mmCIF file of all heavy atoms, coordinates in Angstrom:
data_MODEL
# 
_entry.id   MODEL 
# 
loop_
_atom_site.group_PDB 
_atom_site.id 
_atom_site.type_symbol 
_atom_site.label_atom_id 
_atom_site.label_alt_id 
_atom_site.label_comp_id 
_atom_site.label_asym_id 
_atom_site.label_entity_id 
_atom_site.label_seq_id 
_atom_site.pdbx_PDB_ins_code 
_atom_site.Cartn_x 
_atom_site.Cartn_y 
_atom_site.Cartn_z 
_atom_site.occupancy 
_atom_site.B_iso_or_equiv 
_atom_site.pdbx_formal_charge 
_atom_site.auth_seq_id 
_atom_site.auth_comp_id 
_atom_site.auth_asym_id 
_atom_site.auth_atom_id 
_atom_site.pdbx_PDB_model_num 
ATOM 1   N N   . THR A 1 1  ? -29.660 -0.224 -14.641 1.00 0.00 ? 1  THR A N   1 
ATOM 2   C CA  . THR A 1 1  ? -29.458 0.748  -13.571 1.00 0.00 ? 1  THR A CA  1 
ATOM 3   C C   . THR A 1 1  ? -27.952 0.889  -13.411 1.00 0.00 ? 1  THR A C   1 
ATOM 4   O O   . THR A 1 1  ? -27.232 -0.108 -13.422 1.00 0.00 ? 1  THR A O   1 
ATOM 5   C CB  . THR A 1 1  ? -30.100 0.262  -12.260 1.00 0.00 ? 1  THR A CB  1 
ATOM 6   O OG1 . THR A 1 1  ? -31.490 0.043  -12.498 1.00 0.00 ? 1  THR A OG1 1 
ATOM 7   C CG2 . THR A 1 1  ? -29.929 1.280  -11.147 1.00 0.00 ? 1  THR A CG2 1 
ATOM 8   N N   . GLU A 1 2  ? -27.464 2.126  -13.263 1.00 0.00 ? 2  GLU A N   1 
ATOM 9   C CA  . GLU A 1 2  ? -26.023 2.353  -13.312 1.00 0.00 ? 2  GLU A CA  1 
ATOM 10  C C   . GLU A 1 2  ? -25.554 3.249  -12.168 1.00 0.00 ? 2  GLU A C   1 
ATOM 11  O O   . GLU A 1 2  ? -26.197 4.241  -11.852 1.00 0.00 ? 2  GLU A O   1 
ATOM 12  C CB  . GLU A 1 2  ? -25.695 2.993  -14.661 1.00 0.00 ? 2  GLU A CB  1 
ATOM 13  C CG  . GLU A 1 2  ? -24.248 3.152  -14.960 1.00 0.00 ? 2  GLU A CG  1 
ATOM 14  C CD  . GLU A 1 2  ? -24.037 3.636  -16.385 1.00 0.00 ? 2  GLU A CD  1 
ATOM 15  O OE1 . GLU A 1 2  ? -23.981 2.794  -17.301 1.00 0.00 ? 2  GLU A OE1 1 
ATOM 16  O OE2 . GLU A 1 2  ? -23.945 4.866  -16.571 1.00 0.00 ? 2  GLU A OE2 1 
ATOM 17  N N   . MET A 1 3  ? -24.438 2.862  -11.569 1.00 0.00 ? 3  MET A N   1 
ATOM 18  C CA  . MET A 1 3  ? -23.765 3.686  -10.559 1.00 0.00 ? 3  MET A CA  1 
ATOM 19  C C   . MET A 1 3  ? -22.287 3.760  -10.932 1.00 0.00 ? 3  MET A C   1 
ATOM 20  O O   . MET A 1 3  ? -21.767 2.877  -11.615 1.00 0.00 ? 3  MET A O   1 
ATOM 21  C CB  . MET A 1 3  ? -23.940 3.077  -9.166  1.00 0.00 ? 3  MET A CB  1 
ATOM 22  C CG  . MET A 1 3  ? -25.382 3.060  -8.685  1.00 0.00 ? 3  MET A CG  1 
ATOM 23  S SD  . MET A 1 3  ? -25.562 2.283  -7.051  1.00 0.00 ? 3  MET A SD  1 
ATOM 24  C CE  . MET A 1 3  ? -24.795 3.541  -6.023  1.00 0.00 ? 3  MET A CE  1 
ATOM 25  N N   . LYS A 1 4  ? -21.621 4.818  -10.436 1.00 0.00 ? 4  LYS A N   1 
ATOM 26  C CA  . LYS A 1 4  ? -20.222 5.037  -10.809 1.00 0.00 ? 4  LYS A CA  1 
ATOM 27  C C   . LYS A 1 4  ? -19.337 5.328  -9.601  1.00 0.00 ? 4  LYS A C   1 
ATOM 28  O O   . LYS A 1 4  ? -19.804 5.832  -8.587  1.00 0.00 ? 4  LYS A O   1 
ATOM 29  C CB  . LYS A 1 4  ? -20.123 6.207  -11.791 1.00 0.00 ? 4  LYS A CB  1 
ATOM 30  C CG  . LYS A 1 4  ? -20.840 5.943  -13.093 1.00 0.00 ? 4  LYS A CG  1 
ATOM 31  C CD  . LYS A 1 4  ? -20.747 7.116  -14.029 1.00 0.00 ? 4  LYS A CD  1 
ATOM 32  C CE  . LYS A 1 4  ? -21.472 6.768  -15.326 1.00 0.00 ? 4  LYS A CE  1 
ATOM 33  N NZ  . LYS A 1 4  ? -21.340 7.801  -16.316 1.00 0.00 ? 4  LYS A NZ  1 
ATOM 34  N N   . ILE A 1 5  ? -18.072 5.024  -9.785  1.00 0.00 ? 5  ILE A N   1 
ATOM 35  C CA  . ILE A 1 5  ? -17.021 5.448  -8.851  1.00 0.00 ? 5  ILE A CA  1 
ATOM 36  C C   . ILE A 1 5  ? -16.237 6.523  -9.582  1.00 0.00 ? 5  ILE A C   1 
ATOM 37  O O   . ILE A 1 5  ? -15.854 6.345  -10.748 1.00 0.00 ? 5  ILE A O   1 
ATOM 38  C CB  . ILE A 1 5  ? -16.096 4.278  -8.465  1.00 0.00 ? 5  ILE A CB  1 
ATOM 39  C CG1 . ILE A 1 5  ? -16.890 3.200  -7.720  1.00 0.00 ? 5  ILE A CG1 1 
ATOM 40  C CG2 . ILE A 1 5  ? -14.927 4.786  -7.618  1.00 0.00 ? 5  ILE A CG2 1 
ATOM 41  C CD1 . ILE A 1 5  ? -16.103 1.927  -7.460  1.00 0.00 ? 5  ILE A CD1 1 
ATOM 42  N N   . GLU A 1 6  ? -16.041 7.644  -8.897  1.00 0.00 ? 6  GLU A N   1 
ATOM 43  C CA  . GLU A 1 6  ? -15.339 8.769  -9.508  1.00 0.00 ? 6  GLU A CA  1 
ATOM 44  C C   . GLU A 1 6  ? -14.052 9.070  -8.755  1.00 0.00 ? 6  GLU A C   1 
ATOM 45  O O   . GLU A 1 6  ? -13.930 8.779  -7.568  1.00 0.00 ? 6  GLU A O   1 
ATOM 46  C CB  . GLU A 1 6  ? -16.237 10.003 -9.516  1.00 0.00 ? 6  GLU A CB  1 
ATOM 47  C CG  . GLU A 1 6  ? -17.502 9.798  -10.332 1.00 0.00 ? 6  GLU A CG  1 
ATOM 48  C CD  . GLU A 1 6  ? -18.473 10.941 -10.228 1.00 0.00 ? 6  GLU A CD  1 
ATOM 49  O OE1 . GLU A 1 6  ? -18.561 11.566 -9.149  1.00 0.00 ? 6  GLU A OE1 1 
ATOM 50  O OE2 . GLU A 1 6  ? -19.158 11.199 -11.225 1.00 0.00 ? 6  GLU A OE2 1 
ATOM 51  N N   . GLY A 1 7  ? -13.110 9.663  -9.460  1.00 0.00 ? 7  GLY A N   1 
ATOM 52  C CA  . GLY A 1 7  ? -11.842 10.058 -8.855  1.00 0.00 ? 7  GLY A CA  1 
ATOM 53  C C   . GLY A 1 7  ? -11.440 11.441 -9.329  1.00 0.00 ? 7  GLY A C   1 
ATOM 54  O O   . GLY A 1 7  ? -11.800 11.859 -10.430 1.00 0.00 ? 7  GLY A O   1 
ATOM 55  N N   . TRP A 1 8  ? -10.711 12.147 -8.476  1.00 0.00 ? 8  TRP A N   1 
ATOM 56  C CA  . TRP A 1 8  ? -10.241 13.483 -8.821  1.00 0.00 ? 8  TRP A CA  1 
ATOM 57  C C   . TRP A 1 8  ? -9.078  13.848 -7.899  1.00 0.00 ? 8  TRP A C   1 
ATOM 58  O O   . TRP A 1 8  ? -8.823  13.204 -6.901  1.00 0.00 ? 8  TRP A O   1 
ATOM 59  C CB  . TRP A 1 8  ? -11.370 14.510 -8.740  1.00 0.00 ? 8  TRP A CB  1 
ATOM 60  C CG  . TRP A 1 8  ? -11.912 14.748 -7.356  1.00 0.00 ? 8  TRP A CG  1 
ATOM 61  C CD1 . TRP A 1 8  ? -11.573 15.745 -6.494  1.00 0.00 ? 8  TRP A CD1 1 
ATOM 62  C CD2 . TRP A 1 8  ? -12.883 13.951 -6.651  1.00 0.00 ? 8  TRP A CD2 1 
ATOM 63  N NE1 . TRP A 1 8  ? -12.276 15.633 -5.321  1.00 0.00 ? 8  TRP A NE1 1 
ATOM 64  C CE2 . TRP A 1 8  ? -13.082 14.538 -5.382  1.00 0.00 ? 8  TRP A CE2 1 
ATOM 65  C CE3 . TRP A 1 8  ? -13.599 12.797 -6.964  1.00 0.00 ? 8  TRP A CE3 1 
ATOM 66  C CZ2 . TRP A 1 8  ? -13.954 14.008 -4.436  1.00 0.00 ? 8  TRP A CZ2 1 
ATOM 67  C CZ3 . TRP A 1 8  ? -14.469 12.282 -6.022  1.00 0.00 ? 8  TRP A CZ3 1 
ATOM 68  C CH2 . TRP A 1 8  ? -14.643 12.887 -4.780  1.00 0.00 ? 8  TRP A CH2 1 
ATOM 69  N N   . ASN A 1 9  ? -8.387  14.920 -8.245  1.00 0.00 ? 9  ASN A N   1 
ATOM 70  C CA  . ASN A 1 9  ? -7.240  15.379 -7.460  1.00 0.00 ? 9  ASN A CA  1 
ATOM 71  C C   . ASN A 1 9  ? -7.459  16.750 -6.832  1.00 0.00 ? 9  ASN A C   1 
ATOM 72  O O   . ASN A 1 9  ? -6.980  17.018 -5.747  1.00 0.00 ? 9  ASN A O   1 
ATOM 73  C CB  . ASN A 1 9  ? -5.974  15.406 -8.327  1.00 0.00 ? 9  ASN A CB  1 
ATOM 74  C CG  . ASN A 1 9  ? -5.524  14.018 -8.676  1.00 0.00 ? 9  ASN A CG  1 
ATOM 75  O OD1 . ASN A 1 9  ? -5.373  13.181 -7.812  1.00 0.00 ? 9  ASN A OD1 1 
ATOM 76  N ND2 . ASN A 1 9  ? -5.345  13.755 -9.955  1.00 0.00 ? 9  ASN A ND2 1 
ATOM 77  N N   . ASP A 1 10 ? -8.194  17.620 -7.506  1.00 0.00 ? 10 ASP A N   1 
ATOM 78  C CA  . ASP A 1 10 ? -8.427  18.986 -7.035  1.00 0.00 ? 10 ASP A CA  1 
ATOM 79  C C   . ASP A 1 10 ? -9.772  19.025 -6.313  1.00 0.00 ? 10 ASP A C   1 
ATOM 80  O O   . ASP A 1 10 ? -10.827 18.980 -6.951  1.00 0.00 ? 10 ASP A O   1 
ATOM 81  C CB  . ASP A 1 10 ? -8.423  19.943 -8.216  1.00 0.00 ? 10 ASP A CB  1 
ATOM 82  C CG  . ASP A 1 10 ? -8.748  21.373 -7.827  1.00 0.00 ? 10 ASP A CG  1 
ATOM 83  O OD1 . ASP A 1 10 ? -8.872  21.655 -6.612  1.00 0.00 ? 10 ASP A OD1 1 
ATOM 84  O OD2 . ASP A 1 10 ? -8.896  22.206 -8.731  1.00 0.00 ? 10 ASP A OD2 1 
ATOM 85  N N   . ASP A 1 11 ? -9.768  19.123 -4.988  1.00 0.00 ? 11 ASP A N   1 
ATOM 86  C CA  . ASP A 1 11 ? -10.996 19.033 -4.203  1.00 0.00 ? 11 ASP A CA  1 
ATOM 87  C C   . ASP A 1 11 ? -11.818 20.324 -4.211  1.00 0.00 ? 11 ASP A C   1 
ATOM 88  O O   . ASP A 1 11 ? -12.904 20.359 -3.678  1.00 0.00 ? 11 ASP A O   1 
ATOM 89  C CB  . ASP A 1 11 ? -10.675 18.631 -2.760  1.00 0.00 ? 11 ASP A CB  1 
ATOM 90  C CG  . ASP A 1 11 ? -11.877 18.039 -2.050  1.00 0.00 ? 11 ASP A CG  1 
ATOM 91  O OD1 . ASP A 1 11 ? -12.719 17.419 -2.730  1.00 0.00 ? 11 ASP A OD1 1 
ATOM 92  O OD2 . ASP A 1 11 ? -11.984 18.204 -0.826  1.00 0.00 ? 11 ASP A OD2 1 
ATOM 93  N N   . GLU A 1 12 ? -11.313 21.372 -4.838  1.00 0.00 ? 12 GLU A N   1 
ATOM 94  C CA  . GLU A 1 12 ? -12.056 22.629 -4.854  1.00 0.00 ? 12 GLU A CA  1 
ATOM 95  C C   . GLU A 1 12 ? -12.813 22.846 -6.161  1.00 0.00 ? 12 GLU A C   1 
ATOM 96  O O   . GLU A 1 12 ? -13.991 23.166 -6.152  1.00 0.00 ? 12 GLU A O   1 
ATOM 97  C CB  . GLU A 1 12 ? -11.108 23.801 -4.583  1.00 0.00 ? 12 GLU A CB  1 
ATOM 98  C CG  . GLU A 1 12 ? -10.570 23.773 -3.155  1.00 0.00 ? 12 GLU A CG  1 
ATOM 99  C CD  . GLU A 1 12 ? -9.645  24.944 -2.865  1.00 0.00 ? 12 GLU A CD  1 
ATOM 100 O OE1 . GLU A 1 12 ? -9.762  25.972 -3.550  1.00 0.00 ? 12 GLU A OE1 1 
ATOM 101 O OE2 . GLU A 1 12 ? -8.826  24.810 -1.950  1.00 0.00 ? 12 GLU A OE2 1 
ATOM 102 N N   . GLU A 1 13 ? -12.152 22.649 -7.273  1.00 0.00 ? 13 GLU A N   1 
ATOM 103 C CA  . GLU A 1 13 ? -12.768 22.923 -8.576  1.00 0.00 ? 13 GLU A CA  1 
ATOM 104 C C   . GLU A 1 13 ? -13.327 21.668 -9.243  1.00 0.00 ? 13 GLU A C   1 
ATOM 105 O O   . GLU A 1 13 ? -14.194 21.768 -10.103 1.00 0.00 ? 13 GLU A O   1 
ATOM 106 C CB  . GLU A 1 13 ? -11.745 23.570 -9.517  1.00 0.00 ? 13 GLU A CB  1 
ATOM 107 C CG  . GLU A 1 13 ? -11.164 24.870 -9.004  1.00 0.00 ? 13 GLU A CG  1 
ATOM 108 C CD  . GLU A 1 13 ? -12.214 25.958 -8.844  1.00 0.00 ? 13 GLU A CD  1 
ATOM 109 O OE1 . GLU A 1 13 ? -13.146 26.032 -9.673  1.00 0.00 ? 13 GLU A OE1 1 
ATOM 110 O OE2 . GLU A 1 13 ? -12.109 26.743 -7.885  1.00 0.00 ? 13 GLU A OE2 1 
ATOM 111 N N   . LEU A 1 14 ? -12.856 20.520 -8.867  1.00 0.00 ? 14 LEU A N   1 
ATOM 112 C CA  . LEU A 1 14 ? -13.254 19.237 -9.471  1.00 0.00 ? 14 LEU A CA  1 
ATOM 113 C C   . LEU A 1 14 ? -13.077 19.236 -10.991 1.00 0.00 ? 14 LEU A C   1 
ATOM 114 O O   . LEU A 1 14 ? -13.795 18.553 -11.718 1.00 0.00 ? 14 LEU A O   1 
ATOM 115 C CB  . LEU A 1 14 ? -14.700 18.889 -9.116  1.00 0.00 ? 14 LEU A CB  1 
ATOM 116 C CG  . LEU A 1 14 ? -15.023 18.713 -7.632  1.00 0.00 ? 14 LEU A CG  1 
ATOM 117 C CD1 . LEU A 1 14 ? -16.503 18.432 -7.443  1.00 0.00 ? 14 LEU A CD1 1 
ATOM 118 C CD2 . LEU A 1 14 ? -14.197 17.600 -7.016  1.00 0.00 ? 14 LEU A CD2 1 
ATOM 119 N N   . GLU A 1 15 ? -12.107 19.990 -11.474 1.00 0.00 ? 15 GLU A N   1 
ATOM 120 C CA  . GLU A 1 15 ? -11.877 20.084 -12.912 1.00 0.00 ? 15 GLU A CA  1 
ATOM 121 C C   . GLU A 1 15 ? -11.407 18.771 -13.522 1.00 0.00 ? 15 GLU A C   1 
ATOM 122 O O   . GLU A 1 15 ? -11.614 18.530 -14.703 1.00 0.00 ? 15 GLU A O   1 
ATOM 123 C CB  . GLU A 1 15 ? -10.862 21.185 -13.213 1.00 0.00 ? 15 GLU A CB  1 
ATOM 124 C CG  . GLU A 1 15 ? -11.399 22.573 -12.941 1.00 0.00 ? 15 GLU A CG  1 
ATOM 125 C CD  . GLU A 1 15 ? -10.369 23.651 -13.181 1.00 0.00 ? 15 GLU A CD  1 
ATOM 126 O OE1 . GLU A 1 15 ? -9.230  23.344 -13.564 1.00 0.00 ? 15 GLU A OE1 1 
ATOM 127 O OE2 . GLU A 1 15 ? -10.715 24.824 -12.974 1.00 0.00 ? 15 GLU A OE2 1 
ATOM 128 N N   . ASP A 1 16 ? -10.775 17.929 -12.731 1.00 0.00 ? 16 ASP A N   1 
ATOM 129 C CA  . ASP A 1 16 ? -10.238 16.681 -13.262 1.00 0.00 ? 16 ASP A CA  1 
ATOM 130 C C   . ASP A 1 16 ? -11.066 15.462 -12.849 1.00 0.00 ? 16 ASP A C   1 
ATOM 131 O O   . ASP A 1 16 ? -10.588 14.342 -12.875 1.00 0.00 ? 16 ASP A O   1 
ATOM 132 C CB  . ASP A 1 16 ? -8.782  16.503 -12.844 1.00 0.00 ? 16 ASP A CB  1 
ATOM 133 C CG  . ASP A 1 16 ? -8.605  16.438 -11.336 1.00 0.00 ? 16 ASP A CG  1 
ATOM 134 O OD1 . ASP A 1 16 ? -9.519  16.849 -10.597 1.00 0.00 ? 16 ASP A OD1 1 
ATOM 135 O OD2 . ASP A 1 16 ? -7.544  15.955 -10.889 1.00 0.00 ? 16 ASP A OD2 1 
ATOM 136 N N   . LEU A 1 17 ? -12.323 15.685 -12.512 1.00 0.00 ? 17 LEU A N   1 
ATOM 137 C CA  . LEU A 1 17 ? -13.224 14.606 -12.116 1.00 0.00 ? 17 LEU A CA  1 
ATOM 138 C C   . LEU A 1 17 ? -13.363 13.605 -13.265 1.00 0.00 ? 17 LEU A C   1 
ATOM 139 O O   . LEU A 1 17 ? -13.635 13.990 -14.393 1.00 0.00 ? 17 LEU A O   1 
ATOM 140 C CB  . LEU A 1 17 ? -14.595 15.171 -11.753 1.00 0.00 ? 17 LEU A CB  1 
ATOM 141 C CG  . LEU A 1 17 ? -15.652 14.175 -11.294 1.00 0.00 ? 17 LEU A CG  1 
ATOM 142 C CD1 . LEU A 1 17 ? -15.291 13.627 -9.918  1.00 0.00 ? 17 LEU A CD1 1 
ATOM 143 C CD2 . LEU A 1 17 ? -17.013 14.839 -11.245 1.00 0.00 ? 17 LEU A CD2 1 
ATOM 144 N N   . GLU A 1 18 ? -13.136 12.324 -12.957 1.00 0.00 ? 18 GLU A N   1 
ATOM 145 C CA  . GLU A 1 18 ? -13.224 11.280 -13.972 1.00 0.00 ? 18 GLU A CA  1 
ATOM 146 C C   . GLU A 1 18 ? -14.029 10.105 -13.449 1.00 0.00 ? 18 GLU A C   1 
ATOM 147 O O   . GLU A 1 18 ? -13.980 9.789  -12.260 1.00 0.00 ? 18 GLU A O   1 
ATOM 148 C CB  . GLU A 1 18 ? -11.836 10.737 -14.316 1.00 0.00 ? 18 GLU A CB  1 
ATOM 149 C CG  . GLU A 1 18 ? -10.902 11.711 -14.947 1.00 0.00 ? 18 GLU A CG  1 
ATOM 150 C CD  . GLU A 1 18 ? -9.583  11.057 -15.310 1.00 0.00 ? 18 GLU A CD  1 
ATOM 151 O OE1 . GLU A 1 18 ? -9.488  10.519 -16.429 1.00 0.00 ? 18 GLU A OE1 1 
ATOM 152 O OE2 . GLU A 1 18 ? -8.668  11.081 -14.475 1.00 0.00 ? 18 GLU A OE2 1 
ATOM 153 N N   . THR A 1 19 ? -14.719 9.432  -14.347 1.00 0.00 ? 19 THR A N   1 
ATOM 154 C CA  . THR A 1 19 ? -15.361 8.178  -13.992 1.00 0.00 ? 19 THR A CA  1 
ATOM 155 C C   . THR A 1 19 ? -14.294 7.092  -14.032 1.00 0.00 ? 19 THR A C   1 
ATOM 156 O O   . THR A 1 19 ? -13.626 6.911  -15.049 1.00 0.00 ? 19 THR A O   1 
ATOM 157 C CB  . THR A 1 19 ? -16.504 7.839  -14.973 1.00 0.00 ? 19 THR A CB  1 
ATOM 158 O OG1 . THR A 1 19 ? -17.494 8.862  -14.885 1.00 0.00 ? 19 THR A OG1 1 
ATOM 159 C CG2 . THR A 1 19 ? -17.119 6.493  -14.646 1.00 0.00 ? 19 THR A CG2 1 
ATOM 160 N N   . LEU A 1 20 ? -14.138 6.404  -12.912 1.00 0.00 ? 20 LEU A N   1 
ATOM 161 C CA  . LEU A 1 20 ? -13.127 5.346  -12.819 1.00 0.00 ? 20 LEU A CA  1 
ATOM 162 C C   . LEU A 1 20 ? -13.721 3.979  -13.102 1.00 0.00 ? 20 LEU A C   1 
ATOM 163 O O   . LEU A 1 20 ? -13.110 3.148  -13.774 1.00 0.00 ? 20 LEU A O   1 
ATOM 164 C CB  . LEU A 1 20 ? -12.495 5.352  -11.423 1.00 0.00 ? 20 LEU A CB  1 
ATOM 165 C CG  . LEU A 1 20 ? -11.918 6.687  -10.938 1.00 0.00 ? 20 LEU A CG  1 
ATOM 166 C CD1 . LEU A 1 20 ? -11.316 6.517  -9.554  1.00 0.00 ? 20 LEU A CD1 1 
ATOM 167 C CD2 . LEU A 1 20 ? -10.893 7.231  -11.919 1.00 0.00 ? 20 LEU A CD2 1 
ATOM 168 N N   . VAL A 1 21 ? -14.914 3.745  -12.553 1.00 0.00 ? 21 VAL A N   1 
ATOM 169 C CA  . VAL A 1 21 ? -15.580 2.451  -12.695 1.00 0.00 ? 21 VAL A CA  1 
ATOM 170 C C   . VAL A 1 21 ? -17.075 2.698  -12.878 1.00 0.00 ? 21 VAL A C   1 
ATOM 171 O O   . VAL A 1 21 ? -17.647 3.557  -12.214 1.00 0.00 ? 21 VAL A O   1 
ATOM 172 C CB  . VAL A 1 21 ? -15.368 1.558  -11.446 1.00 0.00 ? 21 VAL A CB  1 
ATOM 173 C CG1 . VAL A 1 21 ? -16.068 0.224  -11.589 1.00 0.00 ? 21 VAL A CG1 1 
ATOM 174 C CG2 . VAL A 1 21 ? -13.883 1.357  -11.157 1.00 0.00 ? 21 VAL A CG2 1 
ATOM 175 N N   . THR A 1 22 ? -17.686 1.945  -13.762 1.00 0.00 ? 22 THR A N   1 
ATOM 176 C CA  . THR A 1 22 ? -19.133 1.963  -13.937 1.00 0.00 ? 22 THR A CA  1 
ATOM 177 C C   . THR A 1 22 ? -19.660 0.583  -13.573 1.00 0.00 ? 22 THR A C   1 
ATOM 178 O O   . THR A 1 22 ? -19.130 -0.423 -14.045 1.00 0.00 ? 22 THR A O   1 
ATOM 179 C CB  . THR A 1 22 ? -19.512 2.295  -15.396 1.00 0.00 ? 22 THR A CB  1 
ATOM 180 O OG1 . THR A 1 22 ? -18.934 3.553  -15.747 1.00 0.00 ? 22 THR A OG1 1 
ATOM 181 C CG2 . THR A 1 22 ? -21.010 2.353  -15.579 1.00 0.00 ? 22 THR A CG2 1 
ATOM 182 N N   . VAL A 1 23 ? -20.681 0.548  -12.716 1.00 0.00 ? 23 VAL A N   1 
ATOM 183 C CA  . VAL A 1 23 ? -21.309 -0.716 -12.330 1.00 0.00 ? 23 VAL A CA  1 
ATOM 184 C C   . VAL A 1 23 ? -22.751 -0.674 -12.830 1.00 0.00 ? 23 VAL A C   1 
ATOM 185 O O   . VAL A 1 23 ? -23.489 0.261  -12.538 1.00 0.00 ? 23 VAL A O   1 
ATOM 186 C CB  . VAL A 1 23 ? -21.268 -0.937 -10.802 1.00 0.00 ? 23 VAL A CB  1 
ATOM 187 C CG1 . VAL A 1 23 ? -21.927 -2.257 -10.435 1.00 0.00 ? 23 VAL A CG1 1 
ATOM 188 C CG2 . VAL A 1 23 ? -19.828 -0.900 -10.290 1.00 0.00 ? 23 VAL A CG2 1 
ATOM 189 N N   . GLN A 1 24 ? -23.118 -1.687 -13.605 1.00 0.00 ? 24 GLN A N   1 
ATOM 190 C CA  . GLN A 1 24 ? -24.459 -1.751 -14.166 1.00 0.00 ? 24 GLN A CA  1 
ATOM 191 C C   . GLN A 1 24 ? -25.193 -2.980 -13.644 1.00 0.00 ? 24 GLN A C   1 
ATOM 192 O O   . GLN A 1 24 ? -24.609 -4.066 -13.576 1.00 0.00 ? 24 GLN A O   1 
ATOM 193 C CB  . GLN A 1 24 ? -24.406 -1.847 -15.693 1.00 0.00 ? 24 GLN A CB  1 
ATOM 194 C CG  . GLN A 1 24 ? -23.777 -0.650 -16.355 1.00 0.00 ? 24 GLN A CG  1 
ATOM 195 C CD  . GLN A 1 24 ? -23.673 -0.827 -17.850 1.00 0.00 ? 24 GLN A CD  1 
ATOM 196 O OE1 . GLN A 1 24 ? -23.581 -1.935 -18.367 1.00 0.00 ? 24 GLN A OE1 1 
ATOM 197 N NE2 . GLN A 1 24 ? -23.685 0.292  -18.573 1.00 0.00 ? 24 GLN A NE2 1 
ATOM 198 N N   . ALA A 1 25 ? -26.455 -2.797 -13.296 1.00 0.00 ? 25 ALA A N   1 
ATOM 199 C CA  . ALA A 1 25 ? -27.336 -3.912 -12.961 1.00 0.00 ? 25 ALA A CA  1 
ATOM 200 C C   . ALA A 1 25 ? -28.334 -4.036 -14.096 1.00 0.00 ? 25 ALA A C   1 
ATOM 201 O O   . ALA A 1 25 ? -29.048 -3.082 -14.417 1.00 0.00 ? 25 ALA A O   1 
ATOM 202 C CB  . ALA A 1 25 ? -28.051 -3.665 -11.641 1.00 0.00 ? 25 ALA A CB  1 
ATOM 203 N N   . ILE A 1 26 ? -28.361 -5.197 -14.724 1.00 0.00 ? 26 ILE A N   1 
ATOM 204 C CA  . ILE A 1 26 ? -29.259 -5.448 -15.848 1.00 0.00 ? 26 ILE A CA  1 
ATOM 205 C C   . ILE A 1 26 ? -30.343 -6.394 -15.361 1.00 0.00 ? 26 ILE A C   1 
ATOM 206 O O   . ILE A 1 26 ? -30.062 -7.538 -14.992 1.00 0.00 ? 26 ILE A O   1 
ATOM 207 C CB  . ILE A 1 26 ? -28.483 -6.042 -17.041 1.00 0.00 ? 26 ILE A CB  1 
ATOM 208 C CG1 . ILE A 1 26 ? -27.359 -5.080 -17.441 1.00 0.00 ? 26 ILE A CG1 1 
ATOM 209 C CG2 . ILE A 1 26 ? -29.423 -6.329 -18.197 1.00 0.00 ? 26 ILE A CG2 1 
ATOM 210 C CD1 . ILE A 1 26 ? -26.342 -5.662 -18.390 1.00 0.00 ? 26 ILE A CD1 1 
ATOM 211 N N   . GLN A 1 27 ? -31.562 -5.890 -15.339 1.00 0.00 ? 27 GLN A N   1 
ATOM 212 C CA  . GLN A 1 27 ? -32.685 -6.646 -14.793 1.00 0.00 ? 27 GLN A CA  1 
ATOM 213 C C   . GLN A 1 27 ? -33.332 -7.484 -15.890 1.00 0.00 ? 27 GLN A C   1 
ATOM 214 O O   . GLN A 1 27 ? -33.937 -6.961 -16.820 1.00 0.00 ? 27 GLN A O   1 
ATOM 215 C CB  . GLN A 1 27 ? -33.705 -5.688 -14.192 1.00 0.00 ? 27 GLN A CB  1 
ATOM 216 C CG  . GLN A 1 27 ? -34.785 -6.374 -13.411 1.00 0.00 ? 27 GLN A CG  1 
ATOM 217 C CD  . GLN A 1 27 ? -35.689 -5.370 -12.719 1.00 0.00 ? 27 GLN A CD  1 
ATOM 218 O OE1 . GLN A 1 27 ? -35.560 -4.166 -12.910 1.00 0.00 ? 27 GLN A OE1 1 
ATOM 219 N NE2 . GLN A 1 27 ? -36.598 -5.858 -11.918 1.00 0.00 ? 27 GLN A NE2 1 
# 
């Protein structure tokens, strides 16, 4: 199961949206 933290600079277009951290739970 996976969740992410995302970061960006342009709050209107989200053109620079990037995954910063991925957290995985392995059952």
